Protein backbone atom coordinates (compact mmCIF):
# COMPACT_ATOMS: atom_id res chain seq x y z
CA MET A 1 -25.19 -6.70 -20.57
CA ALA A 2 -21.35 -5.55 -19.45
CA ILE A 3 -18.19 -6.23 -21.11
CA ILE A 4 -16.14 -8.02 -19.44
CA ILE A 5 -12.35 -8.93 -21.00
CA THR A 6 -10.85 -12.15 -21.08
CA ASP A 7 -7.57 -13.53 -20.56
CA GLU A 8 -6.39 -13.49 -23.80
CA CYS A 9 -6.02 -9.51 -23.19
CA ILE A 10 -2.59 -8.14 -23.76
CA ASN A 11 -2.50 -5.29 -21.49
CA CYS A 12 -1.80 -2.99 -24.61
CA ASP A 13 -3.64 -0.02 -23.06
CA ALA A 14 -5.94 0.90 -25.31
CA CYS A 15 -9.45 -0.15 -23.82
CA ILE A 16 -8.40 2.29 -20.56
CA SER A 17 -9.21 5.86 -22.16
CA GLU A 18 -12.10 4.89 -24.20
CA CYS A 19 -14.44 3.87 -21.54
CA PRO A 20 -16.59 6.57 -20.39
CA ASN A 21 -17.57 5.23 -17.00
CA THR A 22 -13.85 4.81 -15.88
CA ALA A 23 -15.14 0.86 -15.17
CA ILE A 24 -11.66 -0.47 -16.97
CA TYR A 25 -8.95 -0.74 -14.72
CA GLU A 26 -5.05 -1.55 -15.15
CA PRO A 27 -4.11 -5.49 -13.84
CA ASP A 28 -3.50 -5.35 -9.74
CA GLN A 29 -5.34 -1.77 -9.28
CA GLU A 30 -7.78 -1.05 -6.54
CA TRP A 31 -10.73 0.21 -7.59
CA SER A 32 -13.74 2.62 -6.48
CA TYR A 33 -17.17 3.21 -7.64
CA ALA A 34 -16.74 7.05 -7.03
CA ASP A 35 -13.62 7.05 -9.37
CA GLU A 36 -14.55 9.55 -12.06
CA THR A 37 -18.43 9.44 -11.26
CA GLU A 38 -20.68 10.99 -9.14
CA LEU A 39 -20.82 8.97 -6.38
CA ASN A 40 -19.99 8.95 -3.09
CA GLY A 41 -21.03 7.92 0.20
CA MET A 42 -23.12 5.08 1.08
CA VAL A 43 -24.94 4.16 -2.26
CA THR A 44 -27.30 1.30 -3.62
CA LEU A 45 -26.23 -0.76 -6.24
CA PRO A 46 -28.52 -1.46 -8.85
CA SER A 47 -28.00 -4.50 -10.08
CA ASN A 48 -28.38 -6.00 -6.33
CA GLY A 49 -29.93 -3.34 -3.72
CA GLU A 50 -26.64 -3.86 -2.18
CA GLU A 51 -25.16 -1.32 -0.03
CA VAL A 52 -21.75 0.07 -0.39
CA ASP A 53 -19.30 2.65 0.82
CA ALA A 54 -18.62 4.61 -3.63
CA ASP A 55 -15.53 6.38 -2.03
CA ALA A 56 -13.89 2.43 -0.88
CA GLU A 57 -10.76 1.39 -2.54
CA ASN A 58 -11.98 -2.07 -3.62
CA GLU A 59 -9.79 -5.21 -4.37
CA PRO A 60 -8.75 -5.65 -7.60
CA ILE A 61 -10.80 -7.85 -9.87
CA SER A 62 -7.92 -9.37 -11.39
CA GLU A 63 -3.73 -9.62 -10.82
CA GLU A 64 -3.28 -10.48 -14.64
CA PHE A 65 -5.01 -8.60 -17.00
CA TYR A 66 -7.10 -5.33 -17.50
CA PHE A 67 -10.37 -5.70 -16.22
CA ILE A 68 -13.97 -3.69 -16.05
CA VAL A 69 -15.78 -3.57 -13.28
CA PRO A 70 -19.46 -4.65 -14.39
CA ASP A 71 -21.72 -2.27 -11.82
CA LYS A 72 -19.99 0.90 -13.76
CA CYS A 73 -20.03 -1.02 -17.09
CA THR A 74 -23.07 0.61 -19.26
CA GLU A 75 -21.53 -0.62 -22.98
CA CYS A 76 -21.28 3.10 -23.37
CA GLU A 77 -25.23 3.44 -23.82
CA GLY A 78 -25.90 6.99 -23.75
CA PHE A 79 -22.23 8.07 -25.12
CA HIS A 80 -21.69 5.71 -28.22
CA ASP A 81 -23.30 3.64 -30.70
CA GLU A 82 -20.82 0.24 -29.78
CA PRO A 83 -18.62 -0.36 -27.15
CA GLN A 84 -15.79 1.65 -27.09
CA CYS A 85 -13.22 -1.30 -25.74
CA ALA A 86 -14.15 -3.61 -28.19
CA SER A 87 -13.99 -1.44 -30.93
CA VAL A 88 -10.23 -0.17 -29.74
CA CYS A 89 -8.63 -3.98 -28.43
CA PRO A 90 -6.40 -5.17 -30.96
CA VAL A 91 -6.93 -9.04 -30.15
CA ASP A 92 -10.52 -8.74 -29.92
CA CYS A 93 -10.77 -9.94 -25.83
CA CYS A 94 -13.28 -7.90 -24.71
CA VAL A 95 -16.75 -9.40 -25.09
CA PRO A 96 -20.07 -9.42 -23.71
CA ASP A 97 -20.22 -11.02 -19.90
CA ASP A 98 -23.00 -13.59 -19.83
CA ASN A 99 -23.04 -13.22 -16.39
CA HIS A 100 -24.40 -9.66 -16.38
CA VAL A 101 -27.24 -9.43 -19.23
CA GLU A 102 -28.76 -5.84 -18.80
CA THR A 103 -31.27 -4.78 -21.27
CA GLU A 104 -30.93 -1.47 -23.22
CA GLU A 105 -33.01 0.58 -20.48
CA GLN A 106 -30.81 -0.74 -17.35
CA LEU A 107 -27.58 0.21 -18.87
CA LEU A 108 -29.26 3.76 -19.12
CA ALA A 109 -30.43 3.69 -16.01
CA LYS A 110 -26.94 2.86 -14.75
CA LYS A 111 -25.33 5.69 -16.40
CA ALA A 112 -28.07 8.18 -14.65
CA TRP A 113 -27.11 6.07 -11.11
CA LEU A 114 -23.38 7.13 -11.94
CA TYR A 115 -23.62 10.53 -12.67
CA ASP A 116 -26.57 11.86 -11.20
CA GLU A 117 -29.10 11.60 -13.77
């Protein structure tokens, strides 16, 4: 499953540099699937089969707290033994997202999708 940042976030910035997928963004920041990945042009999301423009800027998911884009979060599978955002968070607000439950196999497939592996 992806990780979510709760409203207990103090916007400390500890998590953002730890994410290997650039899935974490600052509050009120636009984001794209292409940010620091191999994605570009029209792509099919592995989560739901929707076609999206990887280069398009998307509306922020949160205007108050750091946020994680679920379709870019792999829980650090293929990079680390545990989600790095959760391991460095001083207030434990990076928690599993029950709305985006995925198996290890799905997370590794998402990593391969992000980096054209």
